[in-house]
PDB file of all heavy atoms in Angstrom:
ATOM      1  N   GLY A   1     169.047 160.486 -62.503  1.00  0.00           N
ATOM      2  CA  GLY A   1     168.753 160.538 -63.927  1.00  0.00           C
ATOM      3  C   GLY A   1     169.891 161.034 -64.790  1.00  0.00           C
ATOM      4  O   GLY A   1     169.722 161.203 -66.003  1.00  0.00           O
ATOM      5  N   GLN A   2     171.063 161.261 -64.193  1.00  0.00           N
ATOM      6  CA  GLN A   2     172.223 161.735 -64.949  1.00  0.00           C
ATOM      7  C   GLN A   2     173.371 160.746 -64.813  1.00  0.00           C
ATOM      8  O   GLN A   2     173.408 159.928 -63.898  1.00  0.00           O
ATOM      9  CB  GLN A   2     172.678 163.106 -64.448  1.00  0.00           C
ATOM     10  CG  GLN A   2     171.702 164.232 -64.691  1.00  0.00           C
ATOM     11  CD  GLN A   2     172.272 165.577 -64.287  1.00  0.00           C
ATOM     12  OE1 GLN A   2     173.428 165.700 -63.887  1.00  0.00           O
ATOM     13  NE2 GLN A   2     171.457 166.611 -64.388  1.00  0.00           N
ATOM     14  N   GLN A   3     174.334 160.862 -65.745  1.00  0.00           N
ATOM     15  CA  GLN A   3     175.530 160.035 -65.694  1.00  0.00           C
ATOM     16  C   GLN A   3     176.681 160.831 -65.079  1.00  0.00           C
ATOM     17  O   GLN A   3     176.969 161.947 -65.506  1.00  0.00           O
ATOM     18  CB  GLN A   3     175.928 159.564 -67.095  1.00  0.00           C
ATOM     19  CG  GLN A   3     174.966 158.577 -67.711  1.00  0.00           C
ATOM     20  CD  GLN A   3     175.487 157.978 -69.006  1.00  0.00           C
ATOM     21  OE1 GLN A   3     175.516 156.776 -69.179  1.00  0.00           O
ATOM     22  NE2 GLN A   3     175.890 158.832 -69.921  1.00  0.00           N
ATOM     23  N   LYS A   4     177.328 160.249 -64.079  1.00  0.00           N
ATOM     24  CA  LYS A   4     178.517 160.821 -63.459  1.00  0.00           C
ATOM     25  C   LYS A   4     179.715 159.961 -63.858  1.00  0.00           C
ATOM     26  O   LYS A   4     179.558 158.771 -64.169  1.00  0.00           O
ATOM     27  CB  LYS A   4     178.384 160.858 -61.942  1.00  0.00           C
ATOM     28  CG  LYS A   4     177.046 161.406 -61.434  1.00  0.00           C
ATOM     29  CD  LYS A   4     176.828 162.860 -61.808  1.00  0.00           C
ATOM     30  CE  LYS A   4     175.515 163.367 -61.237  1.00  0.00           C
ATOM     31  NZ  LYS A   4     175.276 164.801 -61.531  1.00  0.00           N
ATOM     32  N   LEU A   5     180.902 160.557 -63.840  1.00  0.00           N
ATOM     33  CA  LEU A   5     182.087 159.853 -64.340  1.00  0.00           C
ATOM     34  C   LEU A   5     183.169 159.721 -63.272  1.00  0.00           C
ATOM     35  O   LEU A   5     183.501 160.694 -62.593  1.00  0.00           O
ATOM     36  CB  LEU A   5     182.671 160.598 -65.547  1.00  0.00           C
ATOM     37  CG  LEU A   5     183.989 160.039 -66.112  1.00  0.00           C
ATOM     38  CD1 LEU A   5     183.791 158.625 -66.661  1.00  0.00           C
ATOM     39  CD2 LEU A   5     184.535 160.954 -67.197  1.00  0.00           C
ATOM     40  N   ILE A   6     183.705 158.507 -63.154  1.00  0.00           N
ATOM     41  CA  ILE A   6     184.877 158.255 -62.307  1.00  0.00           C
ATOM     42  C   ILE A   6     185.963 157.636 -63.169  1.00  0.00           C
ATOM     43  O   ILE A   6     185.708 156.656 -63.885  1.00  0.00           O
ATOM     44  CB  ILE A   6     184.559 157.285 -61.149  1.00  0.00           C
ATOM     45  CG1 ILE A   6     183.472 157.852 -60.228  1.00  0.00           C
ATOM     46  CG2 ILE A   6     185.823 156.982 -60.343  1.00  0.00           C
ATOM     47  CD1 ILE A   6     183.006 156.860 -59.170  1.00  0.00           C
ATOM     48  N   ILE A   7     187.173 158.185 -63.122  1.00  0.00           N
ATOM     49  CA  ILE A   7     188.359 157.490 -63.620  1.00  0.00           C
ATOM     50  C   ILE A   7     189.235 157.325 -62.380  1.00  0.00           C
ATOM     51  O   ILE A   7     189.666 158.309 -61.776  1.00  0.00           O
ATOM     52  CB  ILE A   7     189.070 158.250 -64.761  1.00  0.00           C
ATOM     53  CG1 ILE A   7     190.374 157.544 -65.161  1.00  0.00           C
ATOM     54  CG2 ILE A   7     189.342 159.707 -64.421  1.00  0.00           C
ATOM     55  CD1 ILE A   7     190.180 156.382 -66.079  1.00  0.00           C
ATOM     56  N   TYR A   8     189.426 156.077 -61.961  1.00  0.00           N
ATOM     57  CA  TYR A   8     190.060 155.823 -60.666  1.00  0.00           C
ATOM     58  C   TYR A   8     191.513 156.272 -60.621  1.00  0.00           C
ATOM     59  O   TYR A   8     192.008 156.676 -59.568  1.00  0.00           O
ATOM     60  CB  TYR A   8     189.907 154.355 -60.287  1.00  0.00           C
ATOM     61  CG  TYR A   8     188.518 154.046 -59.804  1.00  0.00           C
ATOM     62  CD1 TYR A   8     187.557 153.502 -60.661  1.00  0.00           C
ATOM     63  CD2 TYR A   8     188.143 154.340 -58.502  1.00  0.00           C
ATOM     64  CE1 TYR A   8     186.267 153.243 -60.212  1.00  0.00           C
ATOM     65  CE2 TYR A   8     186.851 154.094 -58.045  1.00  0.00           C
ATOM     66  CZ  TYR A   8     185.917 153.544 -58.914  1.00  0.00           C
ATOM     67  OH  TYR A   8     184.628 153.311 -58.479  1.00  0.00           O
ATOM     68  N   SER A   9     192.206 156.227 -61.743  1.00  0.00           N
ATOM     69  CA  SER A   9     193.552 156.789 -61.818  1.00  0.00           C
ATOM     70  C   SER A   9     193.865 157.113 -63.273  1.00  0.00           C
ATOM     71  O   SER A   9     193.631 156.283 -64.156  1.00  0.00           O
ATOM     72  CB  SER A   9     194.607 155.829 -61.265  1.00  0.00           C
ATOM     73  OG  SER A   9     195.916 156.352 -61.476  1.00  0.00           O
ATOM     74  N   MET A  10     194.397 158.300 -63.499  1.00  0.00           N
ATOM     75  CA  MET A  10     194.761 158.720 -64.862  1.00  0.00           C
ATOM     76  C   MET A  10     196.201 158.361 -65.211  1.00  0.00           C
ATOM     77  O   MET A  10     196.643 158.590 -66.334  1.00  0.00           O
ATOM     78  CB  MET A  10     194.531 160.228 -65.019  1.00  0.00           C
ATOM     79  CG  MET A  10     193.088 160.643 -64.871  1.00  0.00           C
ATOM     80  SD  MET A  10     192.790 162.413 -65.155  1.00  0.00           S
ATOM     81  CE  MET A  10     193.534 163.127 -63.679  1.00  0.00           C
ATOM     82  N   GLY A  11     196.950 157.804 -64.233  1.00  0.00           N
ATOM     83  CA  GLY A  11     198.309 157.365 -64.509  1.00  0.00           C
ATOM     84  C   GLY A  11     199.292 158.507 -64.672  1.00  0.00           C
ATOM     85  O   GLY A  11     199.015 159.660 -64.335  1.00  0.00           O
ATOM     86  N   ASN A  12     200.467 158.188 -65.201  1.00  0.00           N
ATOM     87  CA  ASN A  12     201.500 159.198 -65.461  1.00  0.00           C
ATOM     88  C   ASN A  12     201.268 159.854 -66.813  1.00  0.00           C
ATOM     89  O   ASN A  12     200.924 159.186 -67.789  1.00  0.00           O
ATOM     90  CB  ASN A  12     202.891 158.563 -65.459  1.00  0.00           C
ATOM     91  CG  ASN A  12     203.332 158.111 -64.083  1.00  0.00           C
ATOM     92  OD1 ASN A  12     202.925 158.687 -63.072  1.00  0.00           O
ATOM     93  ND2 ASN A  12     204.165 157.079 -64.028  1.00  0.00           N
ATOM     94  N   PHE A  13     201.495 161.159 -66.868  1.00  0.00           N
ATOM     95  CA  PHE A  13     201.403 161.867 -68.139  1.00  0.00           C
ATOM     96  C   PHE A  13     202.790 162.205 -68.681  1.00  0.00           C
ATOM     97  O   PHE A  13     203.012 162.196 -69.875  1.00  0.00           O
ATOM     98  CB  PHE A  13     200.577 163.145 -67.963  1.00  0.00           C
ATOM     99  CG  PHE A  13     200.057 163.706 -69.262  1.00  0.00           C
ATOM    100  CD1 PHE A  13     199.122 163.009 -70.014  1.00  0.00           C
ATOM    101  CD2 PHE A  13     200.490 164.942 -69.729  1.00  0.00           C
ATOM    102  CE1 PHE A  13     198.630 163.528 -71.215  1.00  0.00           C
ATOM    103  CE2 PHE A  13     200.000 165.471 -70.915  1.00  0.00           C
ATOM    104  CZ  PHE A  13     199.074 164.758 -71.657  1.00  0.00           C
ATOM    105  N   ILE A  14     203.722 162.522 -67.784  1.00  0.00           N
ATOM    106  CA  ILE A  14     205.130 162.688 -68.167  1.00  0.00           C
ATOM    107  C   ILE A  14     205.965 162.246 -66.968  1.00  0.00           C
ATOM    108  O   ILE A  14     205.703 162.650 -65.835  1.00  0.00           O
ATOM    109  CB  ILE A  14     205.462 164.149 -68.574  1.00  0.00           C
ATOM    110  CG1 ILE A  14     206.898 164.264 -69.117  1.00  0.00           C
ATOM    111  CG2 ILE A  14     205.250 165.101 -67.425  1.00  0.00           C
ATOM    112  CD1 ILE A  14     207.070 163.729 -70.495  1.00  0.00           C
ATOM    113  N   SER A  15     206.937 161.375 -67.208  1.00  0.00           N
ATOM    114  CA  SER A  15     207.820 160.911 -66.133  1.00  0.00           C
ATOM    115  C   SER A  15     208.939 160.089 -66.761  1.00  0.00           C
ATOM    116  O   SER A  15     208.977 159.885 -67.981  1.00  0.00           O
ATOM    117  CB  SER A  15     207.048 160.058 -65.115  1.00  0.00           C
ATOM    118  OG  SER A  15     206.897 158.725 -65.582  1.00  0.00           O
ATOM    119  N   ASN A  16     209.850 159.576 -65.906  1.00  0.00           N
ATOM    120  CA  ASN A  16     210.902 158.680 -66.370  1.00  0.00           C
ATOM    121  C   ASN A  16     210.584 157.234 -65.994  1.00  0.00           C
ATOM    122  O   ASN A  16     211.425 156.351 -66.146  1.00  0.00           O
ATOM    123  CB  ASN A  16     212.261 159.091 -65.775  1.00  0.00           C
ATOM    124  CG  ASN A  16     213.418 158.373 -66.437  1.00  0.00           C
ATOM    125  OD1 ASN A  16     213.472 158.232 -67.665  1.00  0.00           O
ATOM    126  ND2 ASN A  16     214.361 157.880 -65.636  1.00  0.00           N
ATOM    127  N   GLN A  17     209.374 156.993 -65.513  1.00  0.00           N
ATOM    128  CA  GLN A  17     208.977 155.634 -65.200  1.00  0.00           C
ATOM    129  C   GLN A  17     208.558 154.919 -66.485  1.00  0.00           C
ATOM    130  O   GLN A  17     207.732 155.426 -67.242  1.00  0.00           O
ATOM    131  CB  GLN A  17     207.823 155.627 -64.188  1.00  0.00           C
ATOM    132  CG  GLN A  17     208.232 156.093 -62.802  1.00  0.00           C
ATOM    133  CD  GLN A  17     207.110 155.977 -61.783  1.00  0.00           C
ATOM    134  OE1 GLN A  17     205.934 156.062 -62.123  1.00  0.00           O
ATOM    135  NE2 GLN A  17     207.473 155.794 -60.524  1.00  0.00           N
ATOM    136  N   ARG A  18     209.132 153.727 -66.704  1.00  0.00           N
ATOM    137  CA  ARG A  18     208.867 152.978 -67.933  1.00  0.00           C
ATOM    138  C   ARG A  18     209.459 151.579 -67.809  1.00  0.00           C
ATOM    139  O   ARG A  18     210.090 151.250 -66.788  1.00  0.00           O
ATOM    140  CB  ARG A  18     209.436 153.715 -69.139  1.00  0.00           C
ATOM    141  CG  ARG A  18     210.917 154.011 -69.042  1.00  0.00           C
ATOM    142  CD  ARG A  18     211.404 155.057 -70.043  1.00  0.00           C
ATOM    143  NE  ARG A  18     211.009 154.773 -71.398  1.00  0.00           N
ATOM    144  CZ  ARG A  18     210.007 155.404 -72.038  1.00  0.00           C
ATOM    145  NH1 ARG A  18     209.328 156.338 -71.411  1.00  0.00           N
ATOM    146  NH2 ARG A  18     209.714 155.097 -73.273  1.00  0.00           N
ATOM    147  N   ILE A  19     209.275 150.792 -68.852  1.00  0.00           N
ATOM    148  CA  ILE A  19     209.782 149.418 -68.840  1.00  0.00           C
ATOM    149  C   ILE A  19     211.264 149.387 -68.496  1.00  0.00           C
ATOM    150  O   ILE A  19     211.722 148.571 -67.698  1.00  0.00           O
ATOM    151  CB  ILE A  19     209.540 148.742 -70.211  1.00  0.00           C
ATOM    152  CG1 ILE A  19     208.041 148.544 -70.449  1.00  0.00           C
ATOM    153  CG2 ILE A  19     210.275 147.409 -70.284  1.00  0.00           C
ATOM    154  CD1 ILE A  19     207.708 148.003 -71.830  1.00  0.00           C
ATOM    155  N   GLU A  20     212.032 150.311 -69.077  1.00  0.00           N
ATOM    156  CA  GLU A  20     213.491 150.294 -68.930  1.00  0.00           C
ATOM    157  C   GLU A  20     213.962 150.702 -67.533  1.00  0.00           C
ATOM    158  O   GLU A  20     215.123 150.445 -67.169  1.00  0.00           O
ATOM    159  CB  GLU A  20     214.143 151.225 -69.965  1.00  0.00           C
ATOM    160  CG  GLU A  20     213.951 150.799 -71.419  1.00  0.00           C
ATOM    161  CD  GLU A  20     212.654 151.299 -72.038  1.00  0.00           C
ATOM    162  OE1 GLU A  20     211.813 151.869 -71.293  1.00  0.00           O
ATOM    163  OE2 GLU A  20     212.472 151.127 -73.266  1.00  0.00           O
ATOM    164  N   THR A  21     213.108 151.367 -66.760  1.00  0.00           N
ATOM    165  CA  THR A  21     213.561 151.890 -65.462  1.00  0.00           C
ATOM    166  C   THR A  21     212.860 151.260 -64.263  1.00  0.00           C
ATOM    167  O   THR A  21     213.216 151.561 -63.121  1.00  0.00           O
ATOM    168  CB  THR A  21     213.324 153.416 -65.387  1.00  0.00           C
ATOM    169  OG1 THR A  21     211.923 153.696 -65.467  1.00  0.00           O
ATOM    170  CG2 THR A  21     214.052 154.137 -66.508  1.00  0.00           C
ATOM    171  N   MET A  22     211.872 150.409 -64.496  1.00  0.00           N
ATOM    172  CA  MET A  22     211.054 149.888 -63.395  1.00  0.00           C
ATOM    173  C   MET A  22     211.264 148.385 -63.211  1.00  0.00           C
ATOM    174  O   MET A  22     210.322 147.589 -63.199  1.00  0.00           O
ATOM    175  CB  MET A  22     209.575 150.196 -63.650  1.00  0.00           C
ATOM    176  CG  MET A  22     209.252 151.675 -63.762  1.00  0.00           C
ATOM    177  SD  MET A  22     209.556 152.589 -62.234  1.00  0.00           S
ATOM    178  CE  MET A  22     208.225 151.972 -61.213  1.00  0.00           C
ATOM    179  N   ASP A  23     212.521 147.981 -63.051  1.00  0.00           N
ATOM    180  CA  ASP A  23     212.833 146.570 -62.830  1.00  0.00           C
ATOM    181  C   ASP A  23     212.127 146.053 -61.581  1.00  0.00           C
ATOM    182  O   ASP A  23     212.107 146.717 -60.535  1.00  0.00           O
ATOM    183  CB  ASP A  23     214.350 146.385 -62.661  1.00  0.00           C
ATOM    184  CG  ASP A  23     215.109 146.665 -63.944  1.00  0.00           C
ATOM    185  OD1 ASP A  23     214.487 146.605 -65.021  1.00  0.00           O
ATOM    186  OD2 ASP A  23     216.323 146.963 -63.865  1.00  0.00           O
ATOM    187  N   GLY A  24     211.542 144.882 -61.696  1.00  0.00           N
ATOM    188  CA  GLY A  24     210.899 144.265 -60.544  1.00  0.00           C
ATOM    189  C   GLY A  24     209.458 144.676 -60.335  1.00  0.00           C
ATOM    190  O   GLY A  24     208.799 144.173 -59.422  1.00  0.00           O
ATOM    191  N   VAL A  25     208.949 145.585 -61.161  1.00  0.00           N
ATOM    192  CA  VAL A  25     207.555 146.016 -61.054  1.00  0.00           C
ATOM    193  C   VAL A  25     206.762 145.324 -62.161  1.00  0.00           C
ATOM    194  O   VAL A  25     207.022 145.536 -63.350  1.00  0.00           O
ATOM    195  CB  VAL A  25     207.427 147.547 -61.172  1.00  0.00           C
ATOM    196  CG1 VAL A  25     205.957 147.969 -61.146  1.00  0.00           C
ATOM    197  CG2 VAL A  25     208.190 148.224 -60.042  1.00  0.00           C
ATOM    198  N   ASP A  26     205.809 144.493 -61.792  1.00  0.00           N
ATOM    199  CA  ASP A  26     205.051 143.717 -62.773  1.00  0.00           C
ATOM    200  C   ASP A  26     204.313 144.603 -63.773  1.00  0.00           C
ATOM    201  O   ASP A  26     204.142 144.229 -64.940  1.00  0.00           O
ATOM    202  CB  ASP A  26     204.049 142.804 -62.058  1.00  0.00           C
ATOM    203  CG  ASP A  26     204.735 141.701 -61.266  1.00  0.00           C
ATOM    204  OD1 ASP A  26     205.903 141.397 -61.571  1.00  0.00           O
ATOM    205  OD2 ASP A  26     204.108 141.159 -60.331  1.00  0.00           O
ATOM    206  N   SER A  27     203.861 145.763 -63.309  1.00  0.00           N
ATOM    207  CA  SER A  27     203.090 146.657 -64.184  1.00  0.00           C
ATOM    208  C   SER A  27     203.963 147.746 -64.811  1.00  0.00           C
ATOM    209  O   SER A  27     203.484 148.824 -65.139  1.00  0.00           O
ATOM    210  CB  SER A  27     201.953 147.305 -63.390  1.00  0.00           C
ATOM    211  OG  SER A  27     202.470 148.006 -62.266  1.00  0.00           O
ATOM    212  N   ALA A  28     205.253 147.446 -64.997  1.00  0.00           N
ATOM    213  CA  ALA A  28     206.210 148.453 -65.470  1.00  0.00           C
ATOM    214  C   ALA A  28     205.764 149.134 -66.760  1.00  0.00           C
ATOM    215  O   ALA A  28     205.878 150.365 -66.899  1.00  0.00           O
ATOM    216  CB  ALA A  28     207.582 147.816 -65.660  1.00  0.00           C
ATOM    217  N   LYS A  29     205.255 148.371 -67.722  1.00  0.00           N
ATOM    218  CA  LYS A  29     204.875 148.968 -69.006  1.00  0.00           C
ATOM    219  C   LYS A  29     203.722 149.960 -68.855  1.00  0.00           C
ATOM    220  O   LYS A  29     203.553 150.865 -69.676  1.00  0.00           O
ATOM    221  CB  LYS A  29     204.526 147.897 -70.023  1.00  0.00           C
ATOM    222  CG  LYS A  29     203.247 147.121 -69.724  1.00  0.00           C
ATOM    223  CD  LYS A  29     202.966 146.098 -70.826  1.00  0.00           C
ATOM    224  CE  LYS A  29     201.672 145.326 -70.558  1.00  0.00           C
ATOM    225  NZ  LYS A  29     201.415 144.327 -71.640  1.00  0.00           N
ATOM    226  N   TRP A  30     202.942 149.798 -67.794  1.00  0.00           N
ATOM    227  CA  TRP A  30     201.807 150.692 -67.585  1.00  0.00           C
ATOM    228  C   TRP A  30     202.237 152.039 -67.019  1.00  0.00           C
ATOM    229  O   TRP A  30     201.476 153.008 -67.080  1.00  0.00           O
ATOM    230  CB  TRP A  30     200.783 150.037 -66.659  1.00  0.00           C
ATOM    231  CG  TRP A  30     200.137 148.825 -67.271  1.00  0.00           C
ATOM    232  CD1 TRP A  30     200.574 147.535 -67.193  1.00  0.00           C
ATOM    233  CD2 TRP A  30     198.961 148.807 -68.076  1.00  0.00           C
ATOM    234  NE1 TRP A  30     199.736 146.712 -67.895  1.00  0.00           N
ATOM    235  CE2 TRP A  30     198.731 147.466 -68.447  1.00  0.00           C
ATOM    236  CE3 TRP A  30     198.065 149.776 -68.513  1.00  0.00           C
ATOM    237  CZ2 TRP A  30     197.651 147.067 -69.231  1.00  0.00           C
ATOM    238  CZ3 TRP A  30     196.987 149.395 -69.290  1.00  0.00           C
ATOM    239  CH2 TRP A  30     196.788 148.061 -69.640  1.00  0.00           C
ATOM    240  N   THR A  31     203.446 152.135 -66.465  1.00  0.00           N
ATOM    241  CA  THR A  31     203.904 153.407 -65.897  1.00  0.00           C
ATOM    242  C   THR A  31     204.249 154.433 -66.969  1.00  0.00           C
ATOM    243  O   THR A  31     204.328 155.623 -66.674  1.00  0.00           O
ATOM    244  CB  THR A  31     205.126 153.207 -64.984  1.00  0.00           C
ATOM    245  OG1 THR A  31     206.228 152.712 -65.752  1.00  0.00           O
ATOM    246  CG2 THR A  31     204.812 152.243 -63.850  1.00  0.00           C
ATOM    247  N   GLU A  32     204.484 153.972 -68.199  1.00  0.00           N
ATOM    248  CA  GLU A  32     204.785 154.901 -69.294  1.00  0.00           C
ATOM    249  C   GLU A  32     203.522 155.300 -70.057  1.00  0.00           C
ATOM    250  O   GLU A  32     203.585 156.026 -71.042  1.00  0.00           O
ATOM    251  CB  GLU A  32     205.800 154.282 -70.247  1.00  0.00           C
ATOM    252  CG  GLU A  32     205.320 153.004 -70.921  1.00  0.00           C
ATOM    253  CD  GLU A  32     206.442 152.227 -71.582  1.00  0.00           C
ATOM    254  OE1 GLU A  32     207.525 152.062 -70.970  1.00  0.00           O
ATOM    255  OE2 GLU A  32     206.239 151.774 -72.731  1.00  0.00           O
ATOM    256  N   ARG A  33     202.375 154.837 -69.577  1.00  0.00           N
ATOM    257  CA  ARG A  33     201.094 155.109 -70.223  1.00  0.00           C
ATOM    258  C   ARG A  33     200.214 155.984 -69.326  1.00  0.00           C
ATOM    259  O   ARG A  33     200.340 155.964 -68.101  1.00  0.00           O
ATOM    260  CB  ARG A  33     200.362 153.802 -70.517  1.00  0.00           C
ATOM    261  CG  ARG A  33     201.155 152.815 -71.354  1.00  0.00           C
ATOM    262  CD  ARG A  33     200.453 151.469 -71.403  1.00  0.00           C
ATOM    263  NE  ARG A  33     201.160 150.471 -72.203  1.00  0.00           N
ATOM    264  CZ  ARG A  33     200.757 149.234 -72.376  1.00  0.00           C
ATOM    265  NH1 ARG A  33     199.631 148.813 -71.791  1.00  0.00           N
ATOM    266  NH2 ARG A  33     201.457 148.381 -73.118  1.00  0.00           N
ATOM    267  N   GLY A  34     199.323 156.703 -69.953  1.00  0.00           N
ATOM    268  CA  GLY A  34     198.372 157.523 -69.204  1.00  0.00           C
ATOM    269  C   GLY A  34     197.137 157.761 -70.045  1.00  0.00           C
ATOM    270  O   GLY A  34     196.948 157.147 -71.103  1.00  0.00           O
ATOM    271  N   VAL A  35     196.289 158.676 -69.586  1.00  0.00           N
ATOM    272  CA  VAL A  35     195.118 159.073 -70.370  1.00  0.00           C
ATOM    273  C   VAL A  35     194.969 160.592 -70.329  1.00  0.00           C
ATOM    274  O   VAL A  35     195.307 161.233 -69.336  1.00  0.00           O
ATOM    275  CB  VAL A  35     193.798 158.442 -69.869  1.00  0.00           C
ATOM    276  CG1 VAL A  35     193.747 156.963 -70.185  1.00  0.00           C
ATOM    277  CG2 VAL A  35     193.587 158.690 -68.394  1.00  0.00           C
ATOM    278  N   LEU A  36     194.474 161.113 -71.423  1.00  0.00           N
ATOM    279  CA  LEU A  36     194.014 162.501 -71.463  1.00  0.00           C
ATOM    280  C   LEU A  36     192.497 162.433 -71.467  1.00  0.00           C
ATOM    281  O   LEU A  36     191.884 162.020 -72.454  1.00  0.00           O
ATOM    282  CB  LEU A  36     194.526 163.211 -72.718  1.00  0.00           C
ATOM    283  CG  LEU A  36     194.036 164.661 -72.895  1.00  0.00           C
ATOM    284  CD1 LEU A  36     194.553 165.554 -71.779  1.00  0.00           C
ATOM    285  CD2 LEU A  36     194.465 165.214 -74.258  1.00  0.00           C
ATOM    286  N   MET A  37     191.896 162.811 -70.350  1.00  0.00           N
ATOM    287  CA  MET A  37     190.435 162.802 -70.259  1.00  0.00           C
ATOM    288  C   MET A  37     189.888 164.005 -71.019  1.00  0.00           C
ATOM    289  O   MET A  37     190.399 165.129 -70.888  1.00  0.00           O
ATOM    290  CB  MET A  37     189.987 162.838 -68.800  1.00  0.00           C
ATOM    291  CG  MET A  37     190.474 161.641 -67.980  1.00  0.00           C
ATOM    292  SD  MET A  37     190.004 160.040 -68.672  1.00  0.00           S
ATOM    293  CE  MET A  37     188.204 160.130 -68.571  1.00  0.00           C
ATOM    294  N   ASP A  38     188.859 163.774 -71.811  1.00  0.00           N
ATOM    295  CA  ASP A  38     188.326 164.789 -72.724  1.00  0.00           C
ATOM    296  C   ASP A  38     186.797 164.777 -72.602  1.00  0.00           C
ATOM    297  O   ASP A  38     186.137 163.861 -73.079  1.00  0.00           O
ATOM    298  CB  ASP A  38     188.780 164.446 -74.152  1.00  0.00           C
ATOM    299  CG  ASP A  38     188.432 165.535 -75.156  1.00  0.00           C
ATOM    300  OD1 ASP A  38     187.692 166.478 -74.811  1.00  0.00           O
ATOM    301  OD2 ASP A  38     188.923 165.445 -76.299  1.00  0.00           O
TER     302      ASP A  38
END
């Protein structure tokens, strides 16, 4: 009767991974993104 929460991955919050540094990785733009769960 209750709701439980799963976020399968919150990603990077701070790093040097990004479009400019992740050549050859299809999801490169996603490495510079993350979530703050609230």
